Amino acid sequence: MSRILLIELRRSTVLWAALTMLASGTAMLYSARQRWTSGWMILALDQRWYLPFLAGIALAAGAAQGRRERRSRVEELFAGMPRPRFQQVVPVLIAYGISMVLAYAGATALAALWILGTAHYLPVGAFLGVVAVGAVAVLAGSWFGLAAGRLLPYVVTAPALAILSLASPLAVPGREGWVSALLFPAHGLGSGTDFDTIQARFSIGQLLYLTGLAAGAALLFARTRWPALLPPLLGTALAALVLQGGAAFVRDPIDPVARSLVCTPDAPTVCVARVHSGVLDEVAPPARAALATLSRLPGAPTRAVEAGLVPRSADTLLIPLAIDDNGHALGTGRLAENLGVLPFPCPADSPGPDTTVVDAASAWLLGTPDASAQAHELSKLSDQEAAARVAAVRRAVLTCSRATY
């Protein structure tokens, strides 16, 4: 078997197809790495968005291989061989299946090298589940391509399958239902935050469904047509049972561990989400510098926390953290501006203090020039009185209330 498998790898196009998938998958990930450099889970989810293209490669490669017997005019020769049909097709199935899986996983691994030094939070089970679903999807695609190429041995079969795969997102009725999320593995992948995850139960359901498709495609390739319907039906039924008919499906799940706080051991405390713990050392110095600037005010914040993890309050400086293309922190250079309060929408009936008042207060705090009348009024006060007024403006910004001098 091993000798036959080696011959199949050497003489077929499977290695070229795998290299094409590996190169394409890696290139697509690196072309948009700003979407996944914040963590491992986001990398796995982002690669799944490319499944229509990657599965198209697998389908086209399998279809081109599947018509080999017709192209070489040896169909009758192979049909008349005394060996069981499965012994003839197993080497091809193994060669294409393993190659597609390794190519998909290899693209993930090559992209992961970029974030080894900055992404410290790895939810192993969820990450492997998402990658495994994508890998089984391209395996099923390659086997279905083999079957389609044998049943429809035409030149147009391979490109037609690739085009249909690329167009498959158009067939998804939306992200509202669990059925479309199950049947189309490139969809239902979260709301686009750094804390997105996929339920282990849902990944298991998708693996059951895709394994059924792969087994059915293998049977179809072996020319056992009606039995080929049973594995997909069984896989889909098992997936529905695992998901309890959709009752266990959670739309846009969030990983609470990824959102949990990781803080500096010393004061003043600076905290970020666990998924961003790799950049805590980068965030702490500018955050502490901003806390030192704000310490001039009565009731100044005493800790700094990544925005979106805790409610806004007077004693907390919120950090508008973002991760750049290289996996490092962005948005921490000007934390003391606007009185250390993130811009956020206020209701129409409570618009908050006038912007000129806030600008004047910020200028006094930062020691920058401001020619407004409010800044001139502040300059005439003692430091203690001015600090009290600026602190009042900061509280007004936090509560969306009016503030004047």
Protein backbone atom coordinates (compact mmCIF):
# COMPACT_ATOMS: atom_id res chain seq x y z
CA MET A 1 0.00 0.00 0.00
CA SER A 2 2.78 2.42 0.89
CA ARG A 3 4.52 1.81 -2.44
CA ILE A 4 1.30 2.44 -4.34
CA LEU A 5 0.69 5.58 -2.30
CA LEU A 6 4.16 6.91 -3.11
CA ILE A 7 3.61 6.24 -6.80
CA GLU A 8 0.27 8.07 -6.62
CA LEU A 9 1.91 11.07 -4.94
CA ARG A 10 4.65 11.16 -7.55
CA ARG A 11 2.57 10.69 -10.69
CA SER A 12 -0.60 12.61 -9.87
CA THR A 13 -1.16 16.35 -9.48
CA VAL A 14 -1.89 16.07 -5.77
CA LEU A 15 1.39 17.62 -4.63
CA TRP A 16 0.94 20.60 -6.93
CA ALA A 17 -2.61 21.04 -5.68
CA ALA A 18 -1.44 20.91 -2.07
CA LEU A 19 1.34 23.43 -2.73
CA THR A 20 -1.17 25.71 -4.44
CA MET A 21 -3.48 25.53 -1.45
CA LEU A 22 -0.63 26.06 1.00
CA ALA A 23 0.69 29.09 -0.89
CA SER A 24 -2.77 30.57 -1.47
CA GLY A 25 -3.93 30.07 2.10
CA THR A 26 -0.77 31.57 3.55
CA ALA A 27 -0.79 34.52 1.15
CA MET A 28 -4.43 35.35 1.91
CA LEU A 29 -3.83 35.24 5.64
CA TYR A 30 -0.77 37.48 5.47
CA SER A 31 -2.49 39.92 3.12
CA ALA A 32 -5.02 40.74 5.86
CA ARG A 33 -3.06 39.97 9.01
CA GLN A 34 -4.45 43.02 10.83
CA ARG A 35 -7.58 40.92 11.37
CA TRP A 36 -5.91 38.06 13.25
CA THR A 37 -2.70 39.29 14.89
CA SER A 38 -4.52 39.78 18.19
CA GLY A 39 -4.72 36.06 18.95
CA TRP A 40 -4.72 32.41 17.96
CA MET A 41 -8.47 31.95 17.89
CA ILE A 42 -8.99 34.90 15.55
CA LEU A 43 -6.37 33.41 13.22
CA ALA A 44 -8.25 30.11 13.03
CA LEU A 45 -11.58 31.87 12.46
CA ASP A 46 -10.14 34.19 9.83
CA GLN A 47 -8.74 31.30 7.80
CA ARG A 48 -12.18 29.70 7.78
CA TRP A 49 -13.51 32.73 5.89
CA TYR A 50 -11.34 31.63 2.96
CA LEU A 51 -12.87 28.16 2.76
CA PRO A 52 -14.92 28.85 -0.41
CA PHE A 53 -11.65 29.59 -2.23
CA LEU A 54 -9.56 26.84 -0.62
CA ALA A 55 -12.29 24.23 -1.04
CA GLY A 56 -12.55 25.36 -4.67
CA ILE A 57 -8.90 24.44 -5.16
CA ALA A 58 -9.52 21.02 -3.58
CA LEU A 59 -12.62 20.43 -5.70
CA ALA A 60 -10.92 21.42 -8.93
CA ALA A 61 -7.81 19.36 -8.21
CA GLY A 62 -9.88 16.31 -7.33
CA ALA A 63 -12.07 16.68 -10.43
CA ALA A 64 -9.02 16.97 -12.69
CA GLN A 65 -7.63 13.79 -11.14
CA GLY A 66 -10.97 11.98 -11.25
CA ARG A 67 -11.16 12.14 -15.02
CA ARG A 68 -7.70 10.59 -15.40
CA GLU A 69 -9.02 7.17 -16.43
CA ARG A 70 -11.25 8.66 -19.12
CA ARG A 71 -8.48 10.96 -20.28
CA SER A 72 -6.03 8.02 -20.52
CA ARG A 73 -8.67 5.71 -22.01
CA VAL A 74 -8.08 2.95 -19.47
CA GLU A 75 -11.57 2.78 -17.96
CA GLU A 76 -12.32 -0.68 -19.32
CA LEU A 77 -8.91 -1.93 -18.24
CA PHE A 78 -9.42 -0.88 -14.62
CA ALA A 79 -13.03 -2.05 -14.61
CA GLY A 80 -11.89 -5.54 -15.65
CA MET A 81 -9.26 -5.87 -12.94
CA PRO A 82 -10.01 -8.61 -10.37
CA ARG A 83 -8.97 -6.47 -7.41
CA PRO A 84 -11.78 -4.96 -5.30
CA ARG A 85 -12.71 -1.46 -6.33
CA PHE A 86 -11.80 0.03 -2.97
CA GLN A 87 -8.25 -1.26 -3.24
CA GLN A 88 -7.94 0.73 -6.45
CA VAL A 89 -9.33 3.98 -5.08
CA VAL A 90 -7.97 4.02 -1.51
CA PRO A 91 -4.44 5.20 -2.48
CA VAL A 92 -5.90 8.12 -4.42
CA LEU A 93 -8.26 9.03 -1.56
CA ILE A 94 -5.46 8.87 0.99
CA ALA A 95 -3.06 10.88 -1.15
CA TYR A 96 -5.53 13.69 -1.80
CA GLY A 97 -7.02 13.66 1.68
CA ILE A 98 -3.74 13.84 3.57
CA SER A 99 -2.27 16.41 1.20
CA MET A 100 -5.26 18.76 1.49
CA VAL A 101 -5.36 18.47 5.28
CA LEU A 102 -1.63 19.15 5.59
CA ALA A 103 -1.85 22.11 3.20
CA TYR A 104 -4.69 23.71 5.17
CA ALA A 105 -3.01 23.09 8.54
CA GLY A 106 0.33 24.21 7.09
CA ALA A 107 -1.07 27.61 6.11
CA THR A 108 -2.32 28.02 9.70
CA ALA A 109 1.09 27.06 11.07
CA LEU A 110 2.97 29.45 8.79
CA ALA A 111 0.69 32.32 9.80
CA ALA A 112 1.03 31.39 13.48
CA LEU A 113 4.77 32.03 13.28
CA TRP A 114 3.95 35.74 12.98
CA ILE A 115 2.26 35.92 16.39
CA LEU A 116 4.34 33.47 18.41
CA GLY A 117 5.93 36.27 20.42
CA THR A 118 2.82 38.37 21.07
CA ALA A 119 -0.19 36.02 21.27
CA HIS A 120 0.00 34.30 24.67
CA TYR A 121 -3.56 33.05 25.11
CA LEU A 122 -4.25 29.79 23.27
CA PRO A 123 -7.61 28.05 23.89
CA VAL A 124 -6.30 24.71 22.65
CA GLY A 125 -9.58 22.82 22.31
CA ALA A 126 -11.52 25.56 20.55
CA PHE A 127 -8.57 26.45 18.30
CA LEU A 128 -7.96 22.86 17.20
CA GLY A 129 -11.69 22.35 16.65
CA VAL A 130 -11.94 25.31 14.28
CA VAL A 131 -8.82 24.27 12.34
CA ALA A 132 -9.99 20.63 12.19
CA VAL A 133 -13.34 21.63 10.69
CA GLY A 134 -11.61 23.62 7.96
CA ALA A 135 -9.20 20.77 7.25
CA VAL A 136 -11.98 18.18 6.99
CA ALA A 137 -13.91 20.58 4.74
CA VAL A 138 -11.09 20.70 2.17
CA LEU A 139 -10.63 16.93 2.50
CA ALA A 140 -14.31 16.41 1.73
CA GLY A 141 -13.97 18.87 -1.15
CA SER A 142 -11.07 16.97 -2.69
CA TRP A 143 -12.89 13.63 -2.42
CA PHE A 144 -16.08 15.05 -3.85
CA GLY A 145 -14.01 16.48 -6.69
CA LEU A 146 -12.57 13.03 -7.37
CA ALA A 147 -16.07 11.56 -7.51
CA ALA A 148 -17.40 14.36 -9.71
CA GLY A 149 -14.46 14.04 -12.07
CA ARG A 150 -15.07 10.31 -12.46
CA LEU A 151 -18.83 10.67 -12.97
CA LEU A 152 -18.54 13.78 -15.19
CA PRO A 153 -15.16 13.37 -16.93
CA TYR A 154 -15.33 16.62 -18.86
CA VAL A 155 -12.82 19.46 -19.15
CA VAL A 156 -15.31 21.95 -17.70
CA THR A 157 -16.03 19.93 -14.54
CA ALA A 158 -13.03 21.17 -12.56
CA PRO A 159 -13.44 24.92 -13.27
CA ALA A 160 -17.21 24.64 -12.80
CA LEU A 161 -16.76 23.15 -9.34
CA ALA A 162 -14.25 25.85 -8.40
CA ILE A 163 -16.67 28.58 -9.50
CA LEU A 164 -19.55 26.98 -7.61
CA SER A 165 -17.43 26.84 -4.47
CA LEU A 166 -16.51 30.52 -4.78
CA ALA A 167 -20.17 31.39 -5.31
CA SER A 168 -21.37 29.28 -2.38
CA PRO A 169 -21.64 32.27 0.02
CA LEU A 170 -24.44 33.55 -2.20
CA ALA A 171 -26.45 30.44 -1.35
CA VAL A 172 -26.34 31.13 2.39
CA PRO A 173 -29.67 32.61 3.46
CA GLY A 174 -28.01 34.57 6.23
CA ARG A 175 -26.40 34.07 9.61
CA GLU A 176 -29.70 33.83 11.42
CA GLY A 177 -30.13 30.07 11.60
CA TRP A 178 -28.05 27.23 12.96
CA VAL A 179 -28.66 25.12 9.86
CA SER A 180 -26.88 27.51 7.49
CA ALA A 181 -24.05 27.92 10.00
CA LEU A 182 -23.70 24.13 10.20
CA LEU A 183 -23.88 23.38 6.50
CA PHE A 184 -21.59 26.21 5.40
CA PRO A 185 -18.43 26.08 7.58
CA ALA A 186 -17.22 29.47 6.32
CA HIS A 187 -20.16 31.20 8.01
CA GLY A 188 -21.42 31.72 11.53
CA LEU A 189 -17.97 32.65 12.81
CA GLY A 190 -18.71 35.34 15.38
CA SER A 191 -19.27 39.07 15.39
CA GLY A 192 -15.73 40.15 14.56
CA THR A 193 -14.30 40.87 18.04
CA ASP A 194 -11.06 39.61 19.54
CA PHE A 195 -13.09 37.54 22.02
CA ASP A 196 -14.99 35.46 19.46
CA THR A 197 -14.95 31.71 19.76
CA ILE A 198 -16.81 28.66 18.48
CA GLN A 199 -18.61 26.24 20.78
CA ALA A 200 -16.91 22.87 21.10
CA ARG A 201 -20.34 21.29 20.60
CA PHE A 202 -20.79 23.16 17.34
CA SER A 203 -17.35 22.18 16.03
CA ILE A 204 -18.17 18.54 16.84
CA GLY A 205 -21.44 18.86 14.94
CA GLN A 206 -19.67 20.31 11.91
CA LEU A 207 -17.04 17.56 12.03
CA LEU A 208 -19.77 14.90 12.04
CA TYR A 209 -21.53 16.53 9.11
CA LEU A 210 -18.34 17.01 7.07
CA THR A 211 -17.07 13.51 7.86
CA GLY A 212 -20.35 12.15 6.51
CA LEU A 213 -19.90 14.19 3.34
CA ALA A 214 -16.33 12.94 2.94
CA ALA A 215 -17.36 9.31 3.44
CA GLY A 216 -20.20 9.68 0.94
CA ALA A 217 -17.82 11.22 -1.60
CA ALA A 218 -15.39 8.32 -1.11
CA LEU A 219 -18.16 5.80 -1.75
CA LEU A 220 -19.28 7.73 -4.81
CA PHE A 221 -15.71 7.76 -6.12
CA ALA A 222 -15.70 3.96 -5.67
CA ARG A 223 -18.86 3.78 -7.82
CA THR A 224 -21.18 2.67 -5.04
CA ARG A 225 -23.79 5.28 -5.79
CA TRP A 226 -26.86 4.66 -3.64
CA PRO A 227 -24.93 3.65 -0.49
CA ALA A 228 -23.04 6.94 -0.91
CA LEU A 229 -26.13 8.78 0.33
CA LEU A 230 -26.09 7.10 3.73
CA PRO A 231 -22.97 8.69 5.34
CA PRO A 232 -24.02 12.31 4.60
CA LEU A 233 -27.51 11.64 5.94
CA LEU A 234 -26.10 9.93 9.03
CA GLY A 235 -23.55 12.68 9.63
CA THR A 236 -26.18 15.40 9.32
CA ALA A 237 -28.54 13.54 11.66
CA LEU A 238 -25.80 13.09 14.27
CA ALA A 239 -24.85 16.76 14.00
CA ALA A 240 -28.47 17.75 14.57
CA LEU A 241 -28.58 15.50 17.65
CA VAL A 242 -25.37 17.02 19.04
CA LEU A 243 -26.82 20.50 18.59
CA GLN A 244 -30.17 19.35 20.02
CA GLY A 245 -32.01 20.47 16.93
CA GLY A 246 -30.53 23.94 17.21
CA ALA A 247 -31.42 24.42 20.88
CA ALA A 248 -27.73 24.18 21.87
CA PHE A 249 -26.58 26.62 19.18
CA VAL A 250 -25.27 29.96 20.47
CA ARG A 251 -24.97 32.76 17.96
CA ASP A 252 -21.76 34.80 18.14
CA PRO A 253 -20.36 33.16 21.30
CA ILE A 254 -17.76 35.03 23.35
CA ASP A 255 -14.91 33.37 25.24
CA PRO A 256 -15.18 34.63 28.85
CA VAL A 257 -11.63 33.56 29.61
CA ALA A 258 -10.34 35.66 26.70
CA ARG A 259 -12.15 38.67 28.24
CA SER A 260 -10.85 38.10 31.77
CA LEU A 261 -8.40 40.64 33.15
CA VAL A 262 -4.65 40.14 33.31
CA CYS A 263 -3.03 42.87 35.42
CA THR A 264 0.41 44.09 36.41
CA PRO A 265 1.54 42.81 39.83
CA ASP A 266 2.60 46.25 41.05
CA ALA A 267 0.75 49.55 41.39
CA PRO A 268 -0.65 51.53 39.75
CA THR A 269 -2.52 48.58 38.29
CA VAL A 270 -2.80 48.25 34.51
CA CYS A 271 -5.05 45.52 33.11
CA VAL A 272 -5.79 44.14 29.65
CA ALA A 273 -7.87 41.23 28.39
CA ARG A 274 -6.21 37.84 28.63
CA VAL A 275 -6.24 37.51 24.85
CA HIS A 276 -4.08 40.68 24.76
CA SER A 277 -1.82 39.71 27.65
CA GLY A 278 1.17 39.53 25.34
CA VAL A 279 1.18 43.33 24.97
CA LEU A 280 0.66 44.19 28.65
CA ASP A 281 4.30 45.25 29.00
CA GLU A 282 3.83 47.62 26.06
CA VAL A 283 0.62 49.09 27.45
CA ALA A 284 1.69 49.60 31.07
CA PRO A 285 4.23 52.46 30.65
CA PRO A 286 1.99 54.86 28.66
CA ALA A 287 -0.99 53.97 30.83
CA ARG A 288 0.95 54.79 34.00
CA ALA A 289 2.21 58.00 32.46
CA ALA A 290 -1.41 59.01 31.76
CA LEU A 291 -2.39 58.09 35.34
CA ALA A 292 0.45 60.26 36.62
CA THR A 293 -0.81 63.20 34.54
CA LEU A 294 -4.38 62.73 35.78
CA SER A 295 -3.21 62.41 39.39
CA ARG A 296 -3.19 66.23 39.60
CA LEU A 297 -6.97 66.09 39.79
CA PRO A 298 -9.01 65.32 42.90
CA GLY A 299 -10.71 61.94 42.55
CA ALA A 300 -8.27 60.96 39.78
CA PRO A 301 -8.29 57.41 38.37
CA THR A 302 -6.06 54.97 40.19
CA ARG A 303 -5.97 52.13 37.67
CA ALA A 304 -6.03 51.65 33.89
CA VAL A 305 -8.09 48.93 32.19
CA GLU A 306 -8.60 48.00 28.55
CA ALA A 307 -11.79 49.61 27.26
CA GLY A 308 -14.86 47.41 26.93
CA LEU A 309 -14.04 45.14 29.85
CA VAL A 310 -15.36 47.23 32.78
CA PRO A 311 -17.96 50.02 33.04
CA ARG A 312 -16.63 53.56 32.81
CA SER A 313 -16.08 55.19 36.17
CA ALA A 314 -14.12 58.07 37.63
CA ASP A 315 -11.51 55.81 39.26
CA THR A 316 -10.64 53.92 36.07
CA LEU A 317 -8.75 55.07 33.00
CA LEU A 318 -10.02 53.16 29.97
CA ILE A 319 -7.41 52.16 27.40
CA PRO A 320 -8.56 52.13 23.75
CA LEU A 321 -6.38 49.16 22.87
CA ALA A 322 -5.94 47.88 19.34
CA ILE A 323 -3.44 45.41 17.86
CA ASP A 324 -1.42 46.35 14.79
CA ASP A 325 -0.28 44.20 11.85
CA ASN A 326 2.74 43.00 13.81
CA GLY A 327 0.82 41.95 16.91
CA HIS A 328 1.82 44.96 18.99
CA ALA A 329 -0.29 47.54 20.85
CA LEU A 330 -1.84 50.56 19.19
CA GLY A 331 -3.83 53.45 20.65
CA THR A 332 -1.88 53.96 23.89
CA GLY A 333 0.16 57.06 23.08
CA ARG A 334 -2.33 59.82 24.01
CA LEU A 335 -4.32 58.38 26.87
CA ALA A 336 -4.47 61.59 28.95
CA GLU A 337 -6.09 63.63 26.18
CA ASN A 338 -9.77 64.51 26.54
CA LEU A 339 -9.24 64.27 30.33
CA GLY A 340 -8.52 60.57 29.99
CA VAL A 341 -12.11 59.85 28.94
CA LEU A 342 -12.83 57.87 25.80
CA PRO A 343 -15.11 59.58 23.30
CA PHE A 344 -18.48 57.88 23.62
CA PRO A 345 -22.00 58.85 22.49
CA CYS A 346 -24.24 60.74 24.87
CA PRO A 347 -28.04 60.91 24.59
CA ALA A 348 -29.53 63.90 22.82
CA ASP A 349 -31.15 65.23 26.02
CA SER A 350 -27.83 65.02 27.93
CA PRO A 351 -25.12 65.90 25.42
CA GLY A 352 -22.44 66.50 28.04
CA PRO A 353 -20.19 69.55 28.44
CA ASP A 354 -19.42 71.91 25.60
CA THR A 355 -16.37 70.86 23.59
CA THR A 356 -14.65 74.21 24.21
CA VAL A 357 -14.92 73.60 27.95
CA VAL A 358 -13.43 70.12 27.58
CA ASP A 359 -10.64 71.38 25.31
CA ALA A 360 -9.74 74.11 27.78
CA ALA A 361 -9.68 71.67 30.68
CA SER A 362 -7.54 69.22 28.68
CA ALA A 363 -5.12 72.02 27.72
CA TRP A 364 -4.69 72.99 31.37
CA LEU A 365 -4.12 69.37 32.39
CA LEU A 366 -1.58 68.70 29.62
CA GLY A 367 0.08 72.11 29.79
CA THR A 368 -0.64 72.91 26.15
CA PRO A 369 -1.66 76.38 24.87
CA ASP A 370 -5.34 77.25 24.44
CA ALA A 371 -6.57 80.73 23.55
CA SER A 372 -10.20 80.25 24.57
CA ALA A 373 -11.91 82.33 27.24
CA GLN A 374 -12.38 79.22 29.39
CA ALA A 375 -8.65 78.49 29.31
CA HIS A 376 -7.90 82.12 30.22
CA GLU A 377 -10.26 81.86 33.19
CA LEU A 378 -8.55 78.69 34.38
CA SER A 379 -5.15 80.33 34.15
CA LYS A 380 -6.20 82.98 36.67
CA LEU A 381 -7.03 80.40 39.33
CA SER A 382 -4.71 78.69 41.76
CA ASP A 383 -3.62 75.18 40.88
CA GLN A 384 -5.90 73.71 43.53
CA GLU A 385 -8.97 75.61 42.32
CA ALA A 386 -8.20 74.92 38.66
CA ALA A 387 -7.71 71.22 39.38
CA ALA A 388 -11.08 71.06 41.12
CA ARG A 389 -12.82 72.66 38.12
CA VAL A 390 -11.06 70.39 35.65
CA ALA A 391 -12.04 67.38 37.77
CA ALA A 392 -15.66 68.59 37.65
CA VAL A 393 -15.45 68.77 33.87
CA ARG A 394 -14.08 65.22 33.78
CA ARG A 395 -16.98 63.95 35.89
CA ALA A 396 -19.39 65.76 33.58
CA VAL A 397 -17.86 64.08 30.54
CA LEU A 398 -18.19 60.68 32.22
CA THR A 399 -21.85 61.27 33.11
CA CYS A 400 -22.88 63.18 29.97
CA SER A 401 -23.94 66.18 32.11
CA ARG A 402 -23.34 69.89 31.53
CA ALA A 403 -20.29 71.62 32.97
CA THR A 404 -19.19 75.27 32.84
CA TYR A 405 -16.65 77.39 34.59
